[in-house]
Structures are given as C-alpha cells and as structure tokens.
Amino acid sequence: MAGRALAVGSPEGTFFDFAPVHVMTTSTLTRVAALAPSGSAQAERYRPNIVLRTPLTQGFAENDWIDRTLHVGTGLVLRVIARTPRCAIPTLAHGTLPADTAALRVLAEHNRVIPMESMGPQPCAGVYGQVLRPGRIRLGDPVHWA
C-alpha cells in the first residue's frame, strides 16, 4: 500500500510521519548548540519522544545506532530503524521559543547524512525507533543496548 511506505516504522492502523518514537541525545543537542550562532539548542524544537543523557559522548551519537536494539527502563525495547531527517518545522516558533533558522542550518552544514538506504543525504538529528516491546519509562531510567 503506497501510504504505508511513509509510516514504515509504525504499527498497522496507526499514523505517524515515519515511526512512533523519535530519540535524541544530549550530545546531539550540545553539538547543535556549539555550532549555532545563539549558542543554544532546545529539544522542544525537534520534538523527540525521548532524550537520552549522554554526558560521555560527543557529537551526533545517534548516527551510528541503525539496526541496534535499545532497552529503556525495565520494559521498553526499541529497534533503531533510521536517522531522523529534519524539515523546516524546528526553525519555527515553538511556544515561547522564537523562530530560529539555525535549528536546521546547523544540521544541513554539519550533519547531512543518509537517513536510510532509500534516501540521499539529509540534515538529520536523532533517530526513529520501532517499538519491539512497549513499556513505561521514567526520568532517570537506565538505558542499554541488547
């Protein structure tokens, strides 16, 4: 079904742009902030479902996670299926955050990568996850790879 290709990472009968879970790391946000003229980057602009604290990692750590299985807390299991290509939405005003064209420009200049095999290079931030096992998560839960 043609419409299904868009939401390839979503369960049948649901609607998401691509996948139900978008994961980002603090290392990506820190790198974007370091490259942005304002010196800041807010997760809210990129709308991740989960932000992982990665204090010992630098740069766009998620780029290397494709096809890995991530366990969050005691129940949630995700398979990383694609890097998240970014459109102009992060550049728009978000609540109290003003418009910021650097939110996309930084990615276009410093993290233009191939999101998945069927695409050419795109500005990316974060990864999409397919839920293998649902689970409730809480702030501070442990995260590990299978």
N, C-alpha and C. Protein backbone atom coordinates (compact mmCIF):
# COMPACT_ATOMS: atom_id res chain seq x y z
N MET A 1 0.85 -1.17 0.00
CA MET A 1 0.00 0.00 0.00
C MET A 1 0.90 1.23 0.00
N ALA A 2 0.65 2.16 -0.86
CA ALA A 2 1.53 3.32 -1.08
C ALA A 2 1.68 4.17 0.17
N GLY A 3 0.61 4.47 0.89
CA GLY A 3 0.69 5.30 2.09
C GLY A 3 1.47 4.65 3.20
N ARG A 4 1.56 3.35 3.18
CA ARG A 4 2.26 2.61 4.22
C ARG A 4 3.77 2.88 4.18
N ALA A 5 4.33 3.17 3.02
CA ALA A 5 5.77 3.42 2.92
C ALA A 5 6.18 4.62 3.76
N LEU A 6 5.32 5.61 3.88
CA LEU A 6 5.62 6.78 4.68
C LEU A 6 5.78 6.42 6.15
N ALA A 7 4.91 5.59 6.66
CA ALA A 7 4.91 5.24 8.08
C ALA A 7 5.44 3.82 8.30
N VAL A 8 6.49 3.47 7.59
CA VAL A 8 7.02 2.11 7.60
C VAL A 8 7.36 1.61 9.01
N GLY A 9 7.76 2.48 9.92
CA GLY A 9 8.12 2.07 11.26
C GLY A 9 6.97 2.06 12.24
N SER A 10 5.75 2.28 11.77
CA SER A 10 4.57 2.37 12.64
C SER A 10 3.76 1.08 12.62
N PRO A 11 3.12 0.76 13.74
CA PRO A 11 2.23 -0.40 13.76
C PRO A 11 1.06 -0.20 12.80
N GLU A 12 0.57 -1.27 12.23
CA GLU A 12 -0.59 -1.23 11.33
C GLU A 12 -1.75 -0.53 12.03
N GLY A 13 -2.45 0.33 11.31
CA GLY A 13 -3.62 1.00 11.87
C GLY A 13 -3.31 2.26 12.65
N THR A 14 -2.03 2.69 12.68
CA THR A 14 -1.66 3.92 13.37
C THR A 14 -1.15 4.92 12.36
N PHE A 15 -0.99 6.19 12.78
CA PHE A 15 -0.48 7.20 11.87
C PHE A 15 0.63 7.99 12.54
N PHE A 16 1.79 7.92 11.97
CA PHE A 16 2.95 8.71 12.37
C PHE A 16 3.66 9.10 11.09
N ASP A 17 4.47 10.17 11.14
CA ASP A 17 5.24 10.55 9.95
C ASP A 17 6.04 9.37 9.44
N PHE A 18 6.72 8.68 10.33
CA PHE A 18 7.53 7.55 9.92
C PHE A 18 7.51 6.45 10.97
N ALA A 19 7.77 6.81 12.20
CA ALA A 19 7.83 5.82 13.28
C ALA A 19 7.23 6.44 14.55
N PRO A 20 6.80 5.62 15.47
CA PRO A 20 6.15 6.15 16.67
C PRO A 20 7.09 6.77 17.70
N VAL A 21 8.39 6.51 17.60
CA VAL A 21 9.31 7.02 18.61
C VAL A 21 10.49 7.73 17.95
N HIS A 22 10.75 8.94 18.43
CA HIS A 22 11.91 9.72 17.97
C HIS A 22 12.81 9.92 19.19
N VAL A 23 14.07 9.49 19.07
CA VAL A 23 15.03 9.55 20.17
C VAL A 23 16.15 10.51 19.80
N MET A 24 16.52 11.37 20.75
CA MET A 24 17.69 12.25 20.59
C MET A 24 18.57 12.11 21.82
N THR A 25 19.82 12.53 21.67
CA THR A 25 20.73 12.53 22.81
C THR A 25 21.12 13.95 23.20
N THR A 26 21.56 14.08 24.43
CA THR A 26 22.05 15.38 24.88
C THR A 26 23.34 15.74 24.13
N SER A 27 24.09 14.74 23.66
CA SER A 27 25.31 15.05 22.90
C SER A 27 24.97 15.73 21.58
N THR A 28 23.87 15.32 20.94
CA THR A 28 23.44 15.98 19.70
C THR A 28 23.01 17.41 20.00
N LEU A 29 22.22 17.59 21.04
CA LEU A 29 21.77 18.94 21.40
C LEU A 29 22.96 19.84 21.77
N THR A 30 23.94 19.28 22.48
CA THR A 30 25.13 20.04 22.85
C THR A 30 25.93 20.44 21.61
N ARG A 31 26.04 19.52 20.65
CA ARG A 31 26.78 19.82 19.42
C ARG A 31 26.07 20.88 18.59
N VAL A 32 24.75 20.77 18.46
CA VAL A 32 23.99 21.78 17.73
C VAL A 32 24.17 23.15 18.40
N ALA A 33 24.10 23.19 19.72
CA ALA A 33 24.27 24.45 20.45
C ALA A 33 25.66 25.03 20.21
N ALA A 34 26.69 24.18 20.20
CA ALA A 34 28.06 24.66 19.99
C ALA A 34 28.24 25.27 18.60
N LEU A 35 27.47 24.80 17.63
CA LEU A 35 27.59 25.28 16.25
C LEU A 35 26.62 26.40 15.91
N ALA A 36 25.62 26.61 16.75
CA ALA A 36 24.58 27.62 16.49
C ALA A 36 25.06 29.02 16.88
N PRO A 37 24.69 30.03 16.12
CA PRO A 37 25.07 31.41 16.46
C PRO A 37 24.58 31.82 17.85
N SER A 38 23.45 31.32 18.27
CA SER A 38 22.89 31.68 19.58
C SER A 38 23.57 30.95 20.73
N GLY A 39 24.28 29.86 20.41
CA GLY A 39 24.94 29.06 21.44
C GLY A 39 23.97 28.18 22.22
N SER A 40 22.78 27.97 21.68
CA SER A 40 21.81 27.13 22.39
C SER A 40 21.04 26.25 21.41
N ALA A 41 20.49 25.17 21.95
CA ALA A 41 19.62 24.27 21.18
C ALA A 41 18.62 23.67 22.16
N GLN A 42 17.37 23.67 21.78
CA GLN A 42 16.32 23.17 22.65
C GLN A 42 15.69 21.91 22.04
N ALA A 43 15.55 20.88 22.86
CA ALA A 43 14.94 19.63 22.41
C ALA A 43 13.55 19.87 21.86
N GLU A 44 12.80 20.80 22.43
CA GLU A 44 11.42 21.06 22.01
C GLU A 44 11.31 21.37 20.51
N ARG A 45 12.34 21.97 19.95
CA ARG A 45 12.31 22.31 18.53
C ARG A 45 12.25 21.05 17.65
N TYR A 46 12.88 19.98 18.12
CA TYR A 46 12.99 18.76 17.31
C TYR A 46 11.94 17.71 17.69
N ARG A 47 11.19 17.95 18.72
CA ARG A 47 10.05 17.14 19.16
C ARG A 47 10.37 15.67 19.40
N PRO A 48 11.46 15.34 20.10
CA PRO A 48 11.72 13.92 20.39
C PRO A 48 10.76 13.41 21.46
N ASN A 49 10.47 12.12 21.41
CA ASN A 49 9.71 11.48 22.49
C ASN A 49 10.62 11.20 23.67
N ILE A 50 11.87 10.89 23.38
CA ILE A 50 12.83 10.51 24.42
C ILE A 50 14.14 11.26 24.17
N VAL A 51 14.68 11.86 25.23
CA VAL A 51 16.01 12.47 25.17
C VAL A 51 16.89 11.67 26.13
N LEU A 52 17.96 11.09 25.60
CA LEU A 52 18.88 10.30 26.41
C LEU A 52 20.06 11.16 26.84
N ARG A 53 20.38 11.11 28.12
CA ARG A 53 21.52 11.84 28.66
C ARG A 53 22.79 11.07 28.28
N THR A 54 23.67 11.71 27.51
CA THR A 54 24.90 11.08 27.03
C THR A 54 26.10 11.97 27.34
N PRO A 55 26.44 12.12 28.63
CA PRO A 55 27.50 13.06 29.00
C PRO A 55 28.90 12.68 28.53
N LEU A 56 29.14 11.41 28.24
CA LEU A 56 30.47 10.98 27.84
C LEU A 56 30.63 10.85 26.32
N THR A 57 29.59 11.22 25.59
CA THR A 57 29.59 11.10 24.13
C THR A 57 29.60 12.50 23.52
N GLN A 58 30.28 12.63 22.39
CA GLN A 58 30.31 13.91 21.72
C GLN A 58 29.70 13.80 20.33
N GLY A 59 29.12 14.89 19.87
CA GLY A 59 28.61 14.95 18.50
C GLY A 59 27.28 14.25 18.31
N PHE A 60 27.05 13.82 17.09
CA PHE A 60 25.78 13.24 16.67
C PHE A 60 25.84 11.72 16.87
N ALA A 61 25.79 11.31 18.12
CA ALA A 61 25.98 9.91 18.51
C ALA A 61 24.99 8.96 17.84
N GLU A 62 23.76 9.40 17.63
CA GLU A 62 22.71 8.53 17.10
C GLU A 62 22.99 8.05 15.68
N ASN A 63 23.84 8.75 14.96
CA ASN A 63 24.13 8.36 13.58
C ASN A 63 24.63 6.93 13.47
N ASP A 64 25.24 6.40 14.51
CA ASP A 64 25.81 5.06 14.48
C ASP A 64 24.89 3.98 15.07
N TRP A 65 23.65 4.30 15.32
CA TRP A 65 22.77 3.37 16.02
C TRP A 65 21.85 2.54 15.12
N ILE A 66 21.88 2.69 13.84
CA ILE A 66 20.95 2.00 12.95
C ILE A 66 21.03 0.49 13.16
N ASP A 67 19.85 -0.14 13.25
CA ASP A 67 19.67 -1.58 13.43
C ASP A 67 20.09 -2.09 14.81
N ARG A 68 20.35 -1.20 15.73
CA ARG A 68 20.66 -1.63 17.11
C ARG A 68 19.37 -1.70 17.91
N THR A 69 19.39 -2.48 18.98
CA THR A 69 18.23 -2.65 19.85
C THR A 69 18.52 -1.96 21.17
N LEU A 70 17.66 -1.02 21.53
CA LEU A 70 17.82 -0.17 22.70
C LEU A 70 16.78 -0.55 23.76
N HIS A 71 17.25 -0.79 24.98
CA HIS A 71 16.36 -1.08 26.11
C HIS A 71 16.32 0.15 27.00
N VAL A 72 15.13 0.64 27.29
CA VAL A 72 14.96 1.82 28.15
C VAL A 72 14.11 1.38 29.33
N GLY A 73 14.65 1.59 30.54
CA GLY A 73 13.93 1.17 31.73
C GLY A 73 13.87 -0.35 31.79
N THR A 74 12.82 -0.85 32.42
CA THR A 74 12.69 -2.30 32.58
C THR A 74 11.82 -2.95 31.53
N GLY A 75 11.20 -2.15 30.65
CA GLY A 75 10.28 -2.76 29.70
C GLY A 75 10.43 -2.36 28.25
N LEU A 76 10.66 -1.09 27.96
CA LEU A 76 10.65 -0.60 26.59
C LEU A 76 11.84 -1.13 25.80
N VAL A 77 11.55 -1.70 24.63
CA VAL A 77 12.60 -2.17 23.73
C VAL A 77 12.33 -1.56 22.36
N LEU A 78 13.32 -0.86 21.83
CA LEU A 78 13.22 -0.20 20.53
C LEU A 78 14.29 -0.74 19.59
N ARG A 79 13.93 -0.85 18.32
CA ARG A 79 14.93 -1.11 17.29
C ARG A 79 15.09 0.19 16.52
N VAL A 80 16.31 0.67 16.44
CA VAL A 80 16.59 1.91 15.72
C VAL A 80 16.54 1.61 14.23
N ILE A 81 15.64 2.32 13.51
CA ILE A 81 15.40 1.99 12.11
C ILE A 81 15.86 3.05 11.12
N ALA A 82 16.09 4.27 11.57
CA ALA A 82 16.53 5.32 10.64
C ALA A 82 17.00 6.55 11.41
N ARG A 83 17.90 7.29 10.79
CA ARG A 83 18.24 8.62 11.31
C ARG A 83 17.06 9.52 10.97
N THR A 84 16.83 10.54 11.78
CA THR A 84 15.65 11.40 11.58
C THR A 84 15.98 12.60 10.70
N PRO A 85 15.48 12.59 9.45
CA PRO A 85 15.70 13.77 8.60
C PRO A 85 14.84 14.92 9.11
N ARG A 86 15.40 16.12 9.04
CA ARG A 86 14.71 17.29 9.58
C ARG A 86 14.20 18.18 8.46
N CYS A 87 13.00 18.70 8.65
CA CYS A 87 12.41 19.65 7.71
C CYS A 87 12.50 21.04 8.34
N ALA A 88 11.71 21.97 7.88
CA ALA A 88 11.77 23.34 8.39
C ALA A 88 11.04 23.53 9.72
N ILE A 89 10.27 22.57 10.18
CA ILE A 89 9.48 22.74 11.41
C ILE A 89 10.33 23.19 12.61
N PRO A 90 11.53 22.64 12.86
CA PRO A 90 12.31 23.12 14.00
C PRO A 90 12.70 24.60 13.93
N THR A 91 12.64 25.19 12.74
CA THR A 91 13.01 26.60 12.60
C THR A 91 11.88 27.55 13.02
N LEU A 92 10.67 27.03 13.16
CA LEU A 92 9.52 27.85 13.50
C LEU A 92 9.48 28.15 15.00
N ALA A 93 8.69 29.16 15.37
CA ALA A 93 8.48 29.45 16.79
C ALA A 93 7.79 28.26 17.44
N HIS A 94 8.23 27.90 18.63
CA HIS A 94 7.64 26.79 19.40
C HIS A 94 7.31 27.31 20.79
N GLY A 95 6.03 27.52 21.07
CA GLY A 95 5.65 28.07 22.38
C GLY A 95 6.34 29.38 22.61
N THR A 96 7.15 29.45 23.65
CA THR A 96 7.86 30.68 23.97
C THR A 96 9.18 30.82 23.21
N LEU A 97 9.57 29.79 22.47
CA LEU A 97 10.82 29.86 21.70
C LEU A 97 10.57 30.60 20.39
N PRO A 98 11.40 31.58 20.08
CA PRO A 98 11.23 32.31 18.82
C PRO A 98 11.70 31.47 17.63
N ALA A 99 11.36 31.89 16.44
CA ALA A 99 11.84 31.24 15.23
C ALA A 99 13.38 31.25 15.24
N ASP A 100 13.97 30.19 14.67
CA ASP A 100 15.43 30.09 14.67
C ASP A 100 15.87 29.26 13.46
N THR A 101 16.30 29.93 12.40
CA THR A 101 16.70 29.23 11.18
C THR A 101 17.93 28.35 11.38
N ALA A 102 18.73 28.66 12.39
CA ALA A 102 19.92 27.86 12.67
C ALA A 102 19.57 26.44 13.10
N ALA A 103 18.36 26.21 13.59
CA ALA A 103 17.95 24.87 14.03
C ALA A 103 18.05 23.86 12.90
N LEU A 104 17.88 24.29 11.67
CA LEU A 104 18.04 23.42 10.51
C LEU A 104 19.37 23.68 9.81
N ARG A 105 19.78 24.92 9.74
CA ARG A 105 21.02 25.27 9.03
C ARG A 105 22.23 24.54 9.62
N VAL A 106 22.31 24.45 10.94
CA VAL A 106 23.43 23.76 11.58
C VAL A 106 23.47 22.30 11.14
N LEU A 107 22.32 21.66 11.10
CA LEU A 107 22.27 20.26 10.68
C LEU A 107 22.62 20.11 9.21
N ALA A 108 22.14 21.03 8.39
CA ALA A 108 22.42 20.97 6.95
C ALA A 108 23.92 21.14 6.68
N GLU A 109 24.59 21.92 7.49
CA GLU A 109 26.01 22.17 7.29
C GLU A 109 26.92 21.15 7.98
N HIS A 110 26.44 20.56 9.10
CA HIS A 110 27.33 19.73 9.92
C HIS A 110 26.87 18.30 10.16
N ASN A 111 25.65 17.97 9.77
CA ASN A 111 25.19 16.59 9.96
C ASN A 111 24.24 16.19 8.83
N ARG A 112 24.74 16.33 7.62
CA ARG A 112 23.98 15.90 6.44
C ARG A 112 24.41 14.45 6.18
N VAL A 113 23.53 13.53 6.52
CA VAL A 113 23.82 12.10 6.43
C VAL A 113 22.66 11.38 5.74
N ILE A 114 22.86 10.13 5.42
CA ILE A 114 21.81 9.34 4.78
C ILE A 114 20.91 8.76 5.88
N PRO A 115 19.64 9.17 5.92
CA PRO A 115 18.73 8.68 6.97
C PRO A 115 18.49 7.18 6.87
N MET A 116 18.29 6.70 5.64
CA MET A 116 18.08 5.28 5.38
C MET A 116 18.49 5.01 3.94
N GLU A 117 18.67 3.75 3.61
CA GLU A 117 19.24 3.39 2.30
C GLU A 117 18.51 3.98 1.11
N SER A 118 17.22 4.17 1.20
CA SER A 118 16.45 4.65 0.04
C SER A 118 16.51 6.16 -0.16
N MET A 119 17.28 6.87 0.66
CA MET A 119 17.32 8.33 0.58
C MET A 119 18.75 8.82 0.36
N GLY A 120 18.85 10.02 -0.16
CA GLY A 120 20.14 10.68 -0.26
C GLY A 120 20.42 11.42 1.05
N PRO A 121 21.57 12.06 1.17
CA PRO A 121 21.92 12.79 2.39
C PRO A 121 20.90 13.88 2.74
N GLN A 122 20.58 13.97 4.01
CA GLN A 122 19.61 14.94 4.55
C GLN A 122 20.17 15.51 5.85
N PRO A 123 19.75 16.71 6.24
CA PRO A 123 20.10 17.19 7.58
C PRO A 123 19.33 16.35 8.60
N CYS A 124 20.05 15.75 9.53
CA CYS A 124 19.42 14.82 10.48
C CYS A 124 19.75 15.18 11.92
N ALA A 125 18.83 14.83 12.81
CA ALA A 125 19.05 14.95 14.26
C ALA A 125 18.19 13.90 14.94
N GLY A 126 18.84 12.97 15.61
CA GLY A 126 18.12 11.92 16.30
C GLY A 126 17.88 10.71 15.41
N VAL A 127 17.14 9.75 15.97
CA VAL A 127 16.80 8.52 15.25
C VAL A 127 15.35 8.15 15.50
N TYR A 128 14.81 7.38 14.57
CA TYR A 128 13.47 6.81 14.74
C TYR A 128 13.60 5.40 15.29
N GLY A 129 12.68 5.07 16.19
CA GLY A 129 12.67 3.74 16.77
C GLY A 129 11.36 3.03 16.52
N GLN A 130 11.46 1.75 16.24
CA GLN A 130 10.30 0.88 16.12
C GLN A 130 10.15 0.16 17.46
N VAL A 131 8.95 0.17 18.01
CA VAL A 131 8.71 -0.45 19.30
C VAL A 131 8.64 -1.97 19.13
N LEU A 132 9.60 -2.66 19.74
CA LEU A 132 9.57 -4.12 19.74
C LEU A 132 8.81 -4.64 20.94
N ARG A 133 8.95 -3.94 22.07
CA ARG A 133 8.19 -4.29 23.27
C ARG A 133 7.84 -2.99 23.99
N PRO A 134 6.54 -2.70 24.13
CA PRO A 134 6.15 -1.46 24.81
C PRO A 134 6.49 -1.53 26.30
N GLY A 135 6.65 -0.37 26.87
CA GLY A 135 6.94 -0.31 28.30
C GLY A 135 6.87 1.12 28.80
N ARG A 136 6.58 1.26 30.06
CA ARG A 136 6.53 2.58 30.69
C ARG A 136 7.95 2.97 31.08
N ILE A 137 8.30 4.23 30.80
CA ILE A 137 9.62 4.72 31.18
C ILE A 137 9.48 5.94 32.07
N ARG A 138 10.54 6.19 32.85
CA ARG A 138 10.56 7.33 33.76
C ARG A 138 11.91 8.05 33.65
N LEU A 139 11.89 9.30 34.01
CA LEU A 139 13.11 10.09 34.04
C LEU A 139 14.16 9.36 34.86
N GLY A 140 15.35 9.22 34.32
CA GLY A 140 16.45 8.58 35.03
C GLY A 140 16.55 7.08 34.85
N ASP A 141 15.61 6.47 34.09
CA ASP A 141 15.69 5.03 33.85
C ASP A 141 17.00 4.66 33.16
N PRO A 142 17.51 3.47 33.45
CA PRO A 142 18.73 3.02 32.76
C PRO A 142 18.43 2.71 31.30
N VAL A 143 19.47 2.87 30.48
CA VAL A 143 19.38 2.60 29.05
C VAL A 143 20.56 1.72 28.69
N HIS A 144 20.30 0.67 27.90
CA HIS A 144 21.41 -0.18 27.45
C HIS A 144 21.06 -0.83 26.11
N TRP A 145 22.12 -1.27 25.44
CA TRP A 145 21.97 -1.96 24.15
C TRP A 145 21.85 -3.44 24.39
N ALA A 146 21.07 -4.12 23.54
CA ALA A 146 20.94 -5.57 23.63
C ALA A 146 22.14 -6.20 22.94
